[in-house]
Amino acid sequence: MERTEIEEKVKVILIEEMEIDEDKVYDESRLKDDMGIDSLDYIDIIVIVDKTFGFKIKPEEMSKVKTFKDFCDYIEEKIA
């Protein structure tokens, strides 16, 4: 899967599933501070990523993911 496809799918997850404003989703936007994602949202994200990309996120690994770019990097690394 190409990087642009990963980014597009992650954007769809954040905008449509997590109901985050599209203008808040860019490379350096922070998941917690800029997008308002909280610990309950992370549970939803884990389920959605499993359905979309076919792997389970480990909560301890997700703690290292701070920005949209980090999130895409993490997914790209897992599906490579």
C-alpha atoms as a PDB file:
ATOM      1  CA  MET A   1       0.000   0.000   0.000  1.00  0.00           C
ATOM      2  CA  GLU A   2       1.353   3.420  -0.980  1.00  0.00           C
ATOM      3  CA  ARG A   3       1.976   6.119   1.636  1.00  0.00           C
ATOM      4  CA  THR A   4      -0.637   8.413   0.057  1.00  0.00           C
ATOM      5  CA  GLU A   5      -3.252   5.662   0.344  1.00  0.00           C
ATOM      6  CA  ILE A   6      -2.393   5.145   4.017  1.00  0.00           C
ATOM      7  CA  GLU A   7      -2.687   8.882   4.692  1.00  0.00           C
ATOM      8  CA  GLU A   8      -6.023   9.050   2.882  1.00  0.00           C
ATOM      9  CA  LYS A   9      -7.439   6.110   4.847  1.00  0.00           C
ATOM     10  CA  VAL A  10      -6.223   7.556   8.153  1.00  0.00           C
ATOM     11  CA  LYS A  11      -7.821  10.910   7.253  1.00  0.00           C
ATOM     12  CA  VAL A  12     -11.117   9.168   6.540  1.00  0.00           C
ATOM     13  CA  ILE A  13     -10.924   7.374   9.902  1.00  0.00           C
ATOM     14  CA  LEU A  14     -10.255  10.618  11.760  1.00  0.00           C
ATOM     15  CA  ILE A  15     -12.756  12.781   9.882  1.00  0.00           C
ATOM     16  CA  GLU A  16     -15.646  10.364   9.342  1.00  0.00           C
ATOM     17  CA  GLU A  17     -15.331   7.885  12.200  1.00  0.00           C
ATOM     18  CA  MET A  18     -13.879  10.147  14.905  1.00  0.00           C
ATOM     19  CA  GLU A  19     -15.743  13.271  13.674  1.00  0.00           C
ATOM     20  CA  ILE A  20     -12.677  15.512  13.649  1.00  0.00           C
ATOM     21  CA  ASP A  21     -12.776  18.687  11.564  1.00  0.00           C
ATOM     22  CA  GLU A  22     -10.872  18.200   8.314  1.00  0.00           C
ATOM     23  CA  ASP A  23      -8.874  21.402   8.837  1.00  0.00           C
ATOM     24  CA  LYS A  24      -7.382  19.875  12.008  1.00  0.00           C
ATOM     25  CA  VAL A  25      -5.920  16.885  10.141  1.00  0.00           C
ATOM     26  CA  TYR A  26      -2.429  17.647   8.805  1.00  0.00           C
ATOM     27  CA  ASP A  27       1.056  16.164   9.278  1.00  0.00           C
ATOM     28  CA  GLU A  28       2.038  17.982  12.460  1.00  0.00           C
ATOM     29  CA  SER A  29      -1.391  18.097  14.113  1.00  0.00           C
ATOM     30  CA  ARG A  30      -1.285  16.378  17.487  1.00  0.00           C
ATOM     31  CA  LEU A  31      -3.848  13.672  18.109  1.00  0.00           C
ATOM     32  CA  LYS A  32      -4.623  14.697  21.685  1.00  0.00           C
ATOM     33  CA  ASP A  33      -3.999  18.431  21.761  1.00  0.00           C
ATOM     34  CA  ASP A  34      -5.136  19.514  18.290  1.00  0.00           C
ATOM     35  CA  MET A  35      -7.718  16.835  17.449  1.00  0.00           C
ATOM     36  CA  GLY A  36      -9.041  16.220  20.952  1.00  0.00           C
ATOM     37  CA  ILE A  37      -8.637  12.447  20.827  1.00  0.00           C
ATOM     38  CA  ASP A  38      -8.912  10.946  24.292  1.00  0.00           C
ATOM     39  CA  SER A  39      -8.300   7.496  25.761  1.00  0.00           C
ATOM     40  CA  LEU A  40     -11.798   6.251  24.860  1.00  0.00           C
ATOM     41  CA  ASP A  41     -11.276   7.379  21.265  1.00  0.00           C
ATOM     42  CA  TYR A  42      -8.090   5.287  21.131  1.00  0.00           C
ATOM     43  CA  ILE A  43     -10.171   2.173  21.771  1.00  0.00           C
ATOM     44  CA  ASP A  44     -12.327   3.015  18.742  1.00  0.00           C
ATOM     45  CA  ILE A  45      -9.215   3.723  16.676  1.00  0.00           C
ATOM     46  CA  ILE A  46      -7.754   0.312  17.582  1.00  0.00           C
ATOM     47  CA  VAL A  47     -10.907  -1.438  16.327  1.00  0.00           C
ATOM     48  CA  ILE A  48     -11.132   0.677  13.148  1.00  0.00           C
ATOM     49  CA  VAL A  49      -7.443   0.200  12.279  1.00  0.00           C
ATOM     50  CA  ASP A  50      -7.820  -3.567  12.722  1.00  0.00           C
ATOM     51  CA  LYS A  51     -10.762  -3.581  10.277  1.00  0.00           C
ATOM     52  CA  THR A  52      -9.134  -1.203   7.813  1.00  0.00           C
ATOM     53  CA  PHE A  53      -5.495  -2.314   7.815  1.00  0.00           C
ATOM     54  CA  GLY A  54      -5.688  -5.846   9.252  1.00  0.00           C
ATOM     55  CA  PHE A  55      -3.515  -5.558  12.361  1.00  0.00           C
ATOM     56  CA  LYS A  56      -4.050  -4.816  16.024  1.00  0.00           C
ATOM     57  CA  ILE A  57      -2.480  -1.741  17.567  1.00  0.00           C
ATOM     58  CA  LYS A  58      -0.686  -2.404  20.830  1.00  0.00           C
ATOM     59  CA  PRO A  59      -1.650   0.305  23.335  1.00  0.00           C
ATOM     60  CA  GLU A  60       1.950   0.694  24.514  1.00  0.00           C
ATOM     61  CA  GLU A  61       3.058   1.377  20.931  1.00  0.00           C
ATOM     62  CA  MET A  62       0.242   3.866  20.378  1.00  0.00           C
ATOM     63  CA  SER A  63       1.529   5.925  23.316  1.00  0.00           C
ATOM     64  CA  LYS A  64       4.519   6.896  21.132  1.00  0.00           C
ATOM     65  CA  VAL A  65       2.222   8.236  18.393  1.00  0.00           C
ATOM     66  CA  LYS A  66       1.757  11.961  18.916  1.00  0.00           C
ATOM     67  CA  THR A  67       0.915  13.470  15.508  1.00  0.00           C
ATOM     68  CA  PHE A  68      -0.999  12.565  12.352  1.00  0.00           C
ATOM     69  CA  LYS A  69       2.351  11.931  10.634  1.00  0.00           C
ATOM     70  CA  ASP A  70       3.446   9.638  13.491  1.00  0.00           C
ATOM     71  CA  PHE A  71       0.192   7.718  13.132  1.00  0.00           C
ATOM     72  CA  CYS A  72       0.700   7.245   9.387  1.00  0.00           C
ATOM     73  CA  ASP A  73       4.355   6.273   9.952  1.00  0.00           C
ATOM     74  CA  TYR A  74       3.276   3.698  12.526  1.00  0.00           C
ATOM     75  CA  ILE A  75       0.704   2.129  10.191  1.00  0.00           C
ATOM     76  CA  GLU A  76       3.116   2.165   7.248  1.00  0.00           C
ATOM     77  CA  GLU A  77       5.724   0.365   9.364  1.00  0.00           C
ATOM     78  CA  LYS A  78       3.231  -2.277  10.499  1.00  0.00           C
ATOM     79  CA  ILE A  79       1.875  -3.144   7.045  1.00  0.00           C
ATOM     80  CA  ALA A  80       5.205  -3.014   5.190  1.00  0.00           C
END
